[in-house]
Amino acid sequence: MNSSISLEEKSNQIFSHKNKMDKYWNTYSMELITQITATERLYHHQIQPSEKGRLSVNVFGGVNINIIRSRVFGEVRIDFQVVSEELGNIELQRSCIDVHGNLDHTIPVNDKTQVFAHYLERLQVVYDTILALSQDKA
């Protein structure tokens, strides 16, 4: 701990860092919203209304994927939560946005193509599971 600086300075540093990380999260969120909206028919996914710090995506009208900012301080941690009784428990790899604005330490959050490709990569297991269920019932 750095006790040589005043509480006011600490407060300013914390606020500045939190504000920077909030901007990175907002950029990431807006890139996803834009790309998901533009590709609704291609991938059969839609953005649903949700609370602050979370994106909710509905896939094929029956599976919800919550993209959740689960940390307020430090790096932004992003959890992907699949909500579907039919699919059961599907674990998706979590991600982060680092202090330099890079998704998983490699992808700039303002690179819409790579951010969207990262999102699609996370969804592969969900689409694989849906496809397997669809073929079993066909």
N, C-alpha and C. Protein backbone atom coordinates (compact mmCIF):
# COMPACT_ATOMS: atom_id res chain seq x y z
N MET A 1 0.83 -1.19 0.00
CA MET A 1 0.00 0.00 0.00
C MET A 1 0.87 1.24 0.00
N ASN A 2 0.43 2.25 -0.70
CA ASN A 2 1.17 3.51 -0.74
C ASN A 2 0.50 4.49 0.20
N SER A 3 1.06 4.62 1.40
CA SER A 3 0.45 5.48 2.41
C SER A 3 1.02 6.89 2.38
N SER A 4 1.98 7.17 1.48
CA SER A 4 2.58 8.50 1.43
C SER A 4 1.73 9.49 0.64
N ILE A 5 0.74 9.01 -0.07
CA ILE A 5 -0.13 9.94 -0.79
C ILE A 5 -1.43 10.12 -0.01
N SER A 6 -2.04 11.26 -0.22
CA SER A 6 -3.25 11.59 0.53
C SER A 6 -4.44 10.76 0.06
N LEU A 7 -5.44 10.71 0.90
CA LEU A 7 -6.67 10.00 0.55
C LEU A 7 -7.30 10.62 -0.70
N GLU A 8 -7.22 11.93 -0.82
CA GLU A 8 -7.77 12.61 -1.99
C GLU A 8 -7.05 12.16 -3.26
N GLU A 9 -5.73 12.06 -3.20
CA GLU A 9 -4.97 11.60 -4.36
C GLU A 9 -5.30 10.15 -4.69
N LYS A 10 -5.41 9.32 -3.67
CA LYS A 10 -5.79 7.92 -3.88
C LYS A 10 -7.16 7.84 -4.55
N SER A 11 -8.08 8.65 -4.04
CA SER A 11 -9.43 8.68 -4.60
C SER A 11 -9.39 9.08 -6.07
N ASN A 12 -8.60 10.09 -6.40
CA ASN A 12 -8.48 10.54 -7.79
C ASN A 12 -7.87 9.46 -8.68
N GLN A 13 -6.86 8.77 -8.17
CA GLN A 13 -6.23 7.69 -8.95
C GLN A 13 -7.20 6.54 -9.19
N ILE A 14 -7.93 6.16 -8.15
CA ILE A 14 -8.92 5.09 -8.28
C ILE A 14 -9.99 5.48 -9.28
N PHE A 15 -10.51 6.71 -9.16
CA PHE A 15 -11.55 7.18 -10.06
C PHE A 15 -11.05 7.20 -11.50
N SER A 16 -9.84 7.69 -11.70
CA SER A 16 -9.27 7.77 -13.04
C SER A 16 -9.13 6.38 -13.66
N HIS A 17 -8.61 5.44 -12.89
CA HIS A 17 -8.44 4.07 -13.39
C HIS A 17 -9.79 3.42 -13.67
N LYS A 18 -10.73 3.58 -12.75
CA LYS A 18 -12.07 3.00 -12.93
C LYS A 18 -12.74 3.59 -14.16
N ASN A 19 -12.61 4.90 -14.35
CA ASN A 19 -13.20 5.58 -15.50
C ASN A 19 -12.61 5.04 -16.81
N LYS A 20 -11.28 4.84 -16.82
CA LYS A 20 -10.62 4.29 -18.01
C LYS A 20 -11.14 2.88 -18.31
N MET A 21 -11.25 2.04 -17.27
CA MET A 21 -11.71 0.67 -17.47
C MET A 21 -13.19 0.64 -17.88
N ASP A 22 -14.00 1.56 -17.33
CA ASP A 22 -15.40 1.68 -17.75
C ASP A 22 -15.48 2.01 -19.23
N LYS A 23 -14.61 2.90 -19.70
CA LYS A 23 -14.61 3.26 -21.13
C LYS A 23 -14.25 2.05 -21.99
N TYR A 24 -13.28 1.26 -21.55
CA TYR A 24 -12.92 0.05 -22.30
C TYR A 24 -14.10 -0.92 -22.35
N TRP A 25 -14.79 -1.12 -21.22
CA TRP A 25 -15.96 -2.00 -21.19
C TRP A 25 -17.04 -1.47 -22.12
N ASN A 26 -17.28 -0.15 -22.09
CA ASN A 26 -18.31 0.45 -22.94
C ASN A 26 -17.96 0.29 -24.42
N THR A 27 -16.69 0.46 -24.77
CA THR A 27 -16.26 0.26 -26.16
C THR A 27 -16.49 -1.19 -26.58
N TYR A 28 -16.07 -2.12 -25.75
CA TYR A 28 -16.27 -3.55 -26.01
C TYR A 28 -17.76 -3.85 -26.20
N SER A 29 -18.57 -3.37 -25.29
CA SER A 29 -20.02 -3.62 -25.34
C SER A 29 -20.64 -3.06 -26.62
N MET A 30 -20.27 -1.83 -26.96
CA MET A 30 -20.84 -1.20 -28.15
C MET A 30 -20.40 -1.93 -29.43
N GLU A 31 -19.16 -2.38 -29.47
CA GLU A 31 -18.70 -3.14 -30.64
C GLU A 31 -19.53 -4.42 -30.79
N LEU A 32 -19.77 -5.11 -29.68
CA LEU A 32 -20.58 -6.33 -29.75
C LEU A 32 -22.01 -6.03 -30.16
N ILE A 33 -22.61 -5.02 -29.54
CA ILE A 33 -24.00 -4.66 -29.87
C ILE A 33 -24.12 -4.36 -31.36
N THR A 34 -23.20 -3.57 -31.88
CA THR A 34 -23.22 -3.19 -33.30
C THR A 34 -23.10 -4.42 -34.20
N GLN A 35 -22.13 -5.27 -33.90
CA GLN A 35 -21.89 -6.45 -34.75
C GLN A 35 -23.00 -7.50 -34.62
N ILE A 36 -23.51 -7.70 -33.41
CA ILE A 36 -24.59 -8.67 -33.23
C ILE A 36 -25.84 -8.19 -33.96
N THR A 37 -26.14 -6.91 -33.84
CA THR A 37 -27.30 -6.35 -34.53
C THR A 37 -27.15 -6.48 -36.05
N ALA A 38 -25.95 -6.25 -36.56
CA ALA A 38 -25.71 -6.32 -38.00
C ALA A 38 -25.77 -7.75 -38.54
N THR A 39 -25.60 -8.73 -37.67
CA THR A 39 -25.54 -10.14 -38.12
C THR A 39 -26.66 -10.99 -37.53
N GLU A 40 -27.75 -10.35 -37.11
CA GLU A 40 -28.85 -11.09 -36.46
C GLU A 40 -29.31 -12.28 -37.29
N ARG A 41 -29.56 -12.06 -38.56
CA ARG A 41 -30.10 -13.13 -39.41
C ARG A 41 -29.05 -14.18 -39.75
N LEU A 42 -27.82 -13.77 -39.85
CA LEU A 42 -26.75 -14.70 -40.20
C LEU A 42 -26.50 -15.73 -39.09
N TYR A 43 -26.44 -15.25 -37.84
CA TYR A 43 -26.12 -16.13 -36.71
C TYR A 43 -27.33 -16.42 -35.81
N HIS A 44 -28.49 -15.85 -36.13
CA HIS A 44 -29.71 -16.07 -35.36
C HIS A 44 -29.52 -15.73 -33.88
N HIS A 45 -28.98 -14.54 -33.65
CA HIS A 45 -28.79 -14.04 -32.28
C HIS A 45 -29.27 -12.59 -32.23
N GLN A 46 -29.80 -12.21 -31.08
CA GLN A 46 -30.32 -10.85 -30.89
C GLN A 46 -29.92 -10.35 -29.51
N ILE A 47 -29.61 -9.05 -29.46
CA ILE A 47 -29.36 -8.40 -28.17
C ILE A 47 -30.69 -8.22 -27.46
N GLN A 48 -30.74 -8.54 -26.18
CA GLN A 48 -31.93 -8.37 -25.35
C GLN A 48 -31.66 -7.27 -24.33
N PRO A 49 -32.71 -6.56 -23.89
CA PRO A 49 -32.50 -5.56 -22.83
C PRO A 49 -31.90 -6.22 -21.59
N SER A 50 -30.98 -5.52 -20.95
CA SER A 50 -30.37 -6.05 -19.73
C SER A 50 -29.87 -4.91 -18.86
N GLU A 51 -29.40 -5.26 -17.68
CA GLU A 51 -28.95 -4.25 -16.74
C GLU A 51 -27.53 -3.80 -17.05
N LYS A 52 -27.12 -2.72 -16.39
CA LYS A 52 -25.79 -2.16 -16.58
C LYS A 52 -24.73 -3.21 -16.22
N GLY A 53 -23.65 -3.24 -17.00
CA GLY A 53 -22.58 -4.18 -16.74
C GLY A 53 -22.84 -5.57 -17.28
N ARG A 54 -23.81 -5.66 -18.18
CA ARG A 54 -24.20 -6.98 -18.71
C ARG A 54 -24.80 -6.80 -20.09
N LEU A 55 -24.47 -7.73 -20.97
CA LEU A 55 -25.15 -7.84 -22.26
C LEU A 55 -25.88 -9.18 -22.24
N SER A 56 -27.06 -9.20 -22.79
CA SER A 56 -27.81 -10.45 -22.88
C SER A 56 -28.10 -10.71 -24.35
N VAL A 57 -27.70 -11.88 -24.80
CA VAL A 57 -27.87 -12.26 -26.20
C VAL A 57 -28.76 -13.49 -26.25
N ASN A 58 -29.80 -13.44 -27.08
CA ASN A 58 -30.68 -14.58 -27.26
C ASN A 58 -30.29 -15.27 -28.57
N VAL A 59 -30.09 -16.58 -28.50
CA VAL A 59 -29.67 -17.36 -29.66
C VAL A 59 -30.80 -18.31 -30.04
N PHE A 60 -31.23 -18.26 -31.29
CA PHE A 60 -32.29 -19.12 -31.82
C PHE A 60 -33.57 -19.06 -31.00
N GLY A 61 -33.82 -17.97 -30.32
CA GLY A 61 -35.05 -17.78 -29.57
C GLY A 61 -35.20 -18.67 -28.35
N GLY A 62 -34.15 -19.43 -27.99
CA GLY A 62 -34.32 -20.34 -26.87
C GLY A 62 -33.15 -20.44 -25.90
N VAL A 63 -32.05 -19.78 -26.22
CA VAL A 63 -30.87 -19.83 -25.36
C VAL A 63 -30.42 -18.41 -25.08
N ASN A 64 -30.23 -18.09 -23.82
CA ASN A 64 -29.71 -16.77 -23.46
C ASN A 64 -28.26 -16.90 -23.05
N ILE A 65 -27.46 -15.98 -23.55
CA ILE A 65 -26.05 -15.90 -23.17
C ILE A 65 -25.84 -14.53 -22.54
N ASN A 66 -25.49 -14.55 -21.27
CA ASN A 66 -25.21 -13.31 -20.56
C ASN A 66 -23.71 -13.06 -20.58
N ILE A 67 -23.36 -11.87 -21.01
CA ILE A 67 -21.96 -11.43 -21.03
C ILE A 67 -21.85 -10.41 -19.90
N ILE A 68 -21.16 -10.79 -18.84
CA ILE A 68 -21.24 -10.06 -17.58
C ILE A 68 -19.89 -9.48 -17.19
N ARG A 69 -19.89 -8.20 -16.90
CA ARG A 69 -18.70 -7.58 -16.31
C ARG A 69 -18.74 -7.92 -14.82
N SER A 70 -17.81 -8.75 -14.38
CA SER A 70 -17.89 -9.25 -13.01
C SER A 70 -16.85 -8.65 -12.07
N ARG A 71 -16.11 -7.66 -12.53
CA ARG A 71 -15.18 -6.94 -11.66
C ARG A 71 -15.32 -5.45 -11.92
N VAL A 72 -15.26 -4.67 -10.85
CA VAL A 72 -15.36 -3.22 -10.96
C VAL A 72 -13.98 -2.57 -10.91
N PHE A 73 -13.05 -3.15 -10.14
CA PHE A 73 -11.72 -2.57 -9.97
C PHE A 73 -10.67 -3.48 -10.60
N GLY A 74 -9.60 -2.89 -11.08
CA GLY A 74 -8.56 -3.65 -11.75
C GLY A 74 -8.99 -3.99 -13.16
N GLU A 75 -8.45 -5.09 -13.69
CA GLU A 75 -8.85 -5.53 -15.02
C GLU A 75 -10.34 -5.83 -15.04
N VAL A 76 -10.95 -5.62 -16.19
CA VAL A 76 -12.35 -6.00 -16.36
C VAL A 76 -12.39 -7.50 -16.60
N ARG A 77 -13.12 -8.21 -15.76
CA ARG A 77 -13.31 -9.65 -15.98
C ARG A 77 -14.66 -9.84 -16.65
N ILE A 78 -14.70 -10.66 -17.67
CA ILE A 78 -15.92 -10.90 -18.43
C ILE A 78 -16.28 -12.38 -18.31
N ASP A 79 -17.45 -12.63 -17.76
CA ASP A 79 -17.96 -13.99 -17.64
C ASP A 79 -19.06 -14.20 -18.68
N PHE A 80 -19.06 -15.35 -19.29
CA PHE A 80 -20.08 -15.73 -20.27
C PHE A 80 -20.93 -16.81 -19.62
N GLN A 81 -22.21 -16.53 -19.45
CA GLN A 81 -23.12 -17.44 -18.75
C GLN A 81 -24.21 -17.90 -19.72
N VAL A 82 -24.31 -19.20 -19.91
CA VAL A 82 -25.34 -19.77 -20.79
C VAL A 82 -26.54 -20.14 -19.94
N VAL A 83 -27.72 -19.65 -20.34
CA VAL A 83 -28.95 -19.93 -19.61
C VAL A 83 -29.90 -20.67 -20.54
N SER A 84 -30.06 -21.97 -20.27
CA SER A 84 -30.95 -22.80 -21.07
C SER A 84 -31.17 -24.12 -20.34
N GLU A 85 -32.42 -24.41 -20.02
CA GLU A 85 -32.73 -25.70 -19.41
C GLU A 85 -32.41 -26.84 -20.36
N GLU A 86 -32.70 -26.63 -21.62
CA GLU A 86 -32.53 -27.69 -22.61
C GLU A 86 -31.06 -28.05 -22.84
N LEU A 87 -30.18 -27.05 -22.80
CA LEU A 87 -28.76 -27.31 -23.06
C LEU A 87 -28.00 -27.74 -21.81
N GLY A 88 -28.56 -27.47 -20.65
CA GLY A 88 -27.87 -27.81 -19.42
C GLY A 88 -26.75 -26.84 -19.11
N ASN A 89 -25.78 -27.28 -18.34
CA ASN A 89 -24.68 -26.42 -17.90
C ASN A 89 -23.56 -26.43 -18.94
N ILE A 90 -23.35 -25.30 -19.58
CA ILE A 90 -22.26 -25.16 -20.55
C ILE A 90 -21.31 -24.10 -20.01
N GLU A 91 -20.06 -24.47 -19.86
CA GLU A 91 -19.04 -23.54 -19.38
C GLU A 91 -18.37 -22.87 -20.58
N LEU A 92 -18.36 -21.55 -20.55
CA LEU A 92 -17.64 -20.79 -21.57
C LEU A 92 -16.45 -20.12 -20.91
N GLN A 93 -15.35 -20.09 -21.62
CA GLN A 93 -14.12 -19.51 -21.08
C GLN A 93 -14.31 -18.03 -20.79
N ARG A 94 -13.88 -17.59 -19.61
CA ARG A 94 -13.99 -16.18 -19.26
C ARG A 94 -12.90 -15.40 -19.98
N SER A 95 -13.10 -14.09 -20.05
CA SER A 95 -12.16 -13.19 -20.71
C SER A 95 -11.84 -12.03 -19.79
N CYS A 96 -10.95 -11.17 -20.26
CA CYS A 96 -10.65 -9.96 -19.51
C CYS A 96 -10.29 -8.84 -20.47
N ILE A 97 -10.39 -7.63 -19.96
CA ILE A 97 -9.87 -6.45 -20.66
C ILE A 97 -8.80 -5.88 -19.75
N ASP A 98 -7.58 -5.79 -20.26
CA ASP A 98 -6.47 -5.34 -19.42
C ASP A 98 -6.39 -3.81 -19.37
N VAL A 99 -5.43 -3.30 -18.61
CA VAL A 99 -5.30 -1.86 -18.41
C VAL A 99 -4.88 -1.11 -19.67
N HIS A 100 -4.49 -1.84 -20.71
CA HIS A 100 -4.13 -1.23 -21.99
C HIS A 100 -5.29 -1.26 -22.98
N GLY A 101 -6.44 -1.79 -22.56
CA GLY A 101 -7.60 -1.86 -23.44
C GLY A 101 -7.58 -3.03 -24.38
N ASN A 102 -6.89 -4.10 -23.99
CA ASN A 102 -6.81 -5.30 -24.83
C ASN A 102 -7.65 -6.42 -24.26
N LEU A 103 -8.45 -7.01 -25.11
CA LEU A 103 -9.27 -8.16 -24.75
C LEU A 103 -8.36 -9.39 -24.70
N ASP A 104 -8.36 -10.06 -23.57
CA ASP A 104 -7.49 -11.22 -23.34
C ASP A 104 -6.03 -10.91 -23.66
N HIS A 105 -5.62 -9.70 -23.36
CA HIS A 105 -4.24 -9.22 -23.48
C HIS A 105 -3.72 -9.18 -24.92
N THR A 106 -4.58 -9.34 -25.91
CA THR A 106 -4.10 -9.37 -27.30
C THR A 106 -4.93 -8.55 -28.28
N ILE A 107 -6.23 -8.42 -28.06
CA ILE A 107 -7.12 -7.81 -29.04
C ILE A 107 -7.55 -6.42 -28.55
N PRO A 108 -7.21 -5.35 -29.27
CA PRO A 108 -7.68 -4.02 -28.87
C PRO A 108 -9.21 -3.98 -28.89
N VAL A 109 -9.81 -3.44 -27.83
CA VAL A 109 -11.27 -3.44 -27.75
C VAL A 109 -11.93 -2.60 -28.83
N ASN A 110 -11.17 -1.70 -29.46
CA ASN A 110 -11.76 -0.91 -30.53
C ASN A 110 -11.59 -1.56 -31.91
N ASP A 111 -11.05 -2.77 -31.97
CA ASP A 111 -10.94 -3.52 -33.22
C ASP A 111 -12.20 -4.38 -33.37
N LYS A 112 -13.20 -3.81 -34.04
CA LYS A 112 -14.51 -4.46 -34.08
C LYS A 112 -14.47 -5.85 -34.71
N THR A 113 -13.64 -6.04 -35.71
CA THR A 113 -13.57 -7.34 -36.38
C THR A 113 -13.05 -8.42 -35.44
N GLN A 114 -11.95 -8.12 -34.74
CA GLN A 114 -11.37 -9.11 -33.83
C GLN A 114 -12.22 -9.32 -32.58
N VAL A 115 -12.84 -8.25 -32.08
CA VAL A 115 -13.72 -8.38 -30.91
C VAL A 115 -14.89 -9.30 -31.25
N PHE A 116 -15.47 -9.11 -32.43
CA PHE A 116 -16.60 -9.95 -32.83
C PHE A 116 -16.15 -11.39 -33.08
N ALA A 117 -14.99 -11.57 -33.69
CA ALA A 117 -14.46 -12.93 -33.90
C ALA A 117 -14.23 -13.63 -32.56
N HIS A 118 -13.77 -12.90 -31.57
CA HIS A 118 -13.56 -13.44 -30.22
C HIS A 118 -14.90 -13.90 -29.64
N TYR A 119 -15.94 -13.07 -29.79
CA TYR A 119 -17.29 -13.42 -29.32
C TYR A 119 -17.78 -14.69 -30.01
N LEU A 120 -17.62 -14.75 -31.33
CA LEU A 120 -18.08 -15.94 -32.07
C LEU A 120 -17.32 -17.19 -31.64
N GLU A 121 -16.04 -17.04 -31.35
CA GLU A 121 -15.25 -18.17 -30.86
C GLU A 121 -15.81 -18.69 -29.54
N ARG A 122 -16.22 -17.78 -28.65
CA ARG A 122 -16.79 -18.19 -27.37
C ARG A 122 -18.10 -18.95 -27.58
N LEU A 123 -18.84 -18.61 -28.63
CA LEU A 123 -20.14 -19.24 -28.86
C LEU A 123 -20.06 -20.59 -29.57
N GLN A 124 -18.91 -20.97 -30.06
CA GLN A 124 -18.78 -22.23 -30.80
C GLN A 124 -19.38 -23.41 -30.05
N VAL A 125 -19.06 -23.54 -28.78
CA VAL A 125 -19.53 -24.69 -27.99
C VAL A 125 -21.06 -24.67 -27.86
N VAL A 126 -21.65 -23.49 -27.78
CA VAL A 126 -23.11 -23.38 -27.69
C VAL A 126 -23.74 -23.85 -29.00
N TYR A 127 -23.23 -23.36 -30.13
CA TYR A 127 -23.77 -23.75 -31.42
C TYR A 127 -23.53 -25.24 -31.68
N ASP A 128 -22.37 -25.76 -31.26
CA ASP A 128 -22.09 -27.19 -31.41
C ASP A 128 -23.11 -28.03 -30.63
N THR A 129 -23.43 -27.59 -29.42
CA THR A 129 -24.40 -28.32 -28.58
C THR A 129 -25.79 -28.27 -29.19
N ILE A 130 -26.19 -27.09 -29.68
CA ILE A 130 -27.51 -26.95 -30.31
C ILE A 130 -27.58 -27.82 -31.56
N LEU A 131 -26.52 -27.81 -32.36
CA LEU A 131 -26.50 -28.62 -33.58
C LEU A 131 -26.60 -30.11 -33.25
N ALA A 132 -25.88 -30.56 -32.25
CA ALA A 132 -25.94 -31.97 -31.85
C ALA A 132 -27.34 -32.35 -31.40
N LEU A 133 -27.98 -31.49 -30.63
CA LEU A 133 -29.36 -31.76 -30.19
C LEU A 133 -30.32 -31.77 -31.38
N SER A 134 -30.11 -30.86 -32.31
CA SER A 134 -30.98 -30.77 -33.49
C SER A 134 -30.86 -32.00 -34.36
N GLN A 135 -29.66 -32.51 -34.51
CA GLN A 135 -29.44 -33.70 -35.34
C GLN A 135 -29.96 -34.96 -34.66
N ASP A 136 -29.88 -35.00 -33.33
CA ASP A 136 -30.41 -36.15 -32.59
C ASP A 136 -31.91 -36.28 -32.75
N LYS A 137 -32.58 -35.13 -32.89
CA LYS A 137 -34.05 -35.13 -32.96
C LYS A 137 -34.55 -35.17 -34.39
N ALA A 138 -33.66 -35.06 -35.35
CA ALA A 138 -34.08 -35.03 -36.76
C ALA A 138 -34.33 -36.42 -37.28
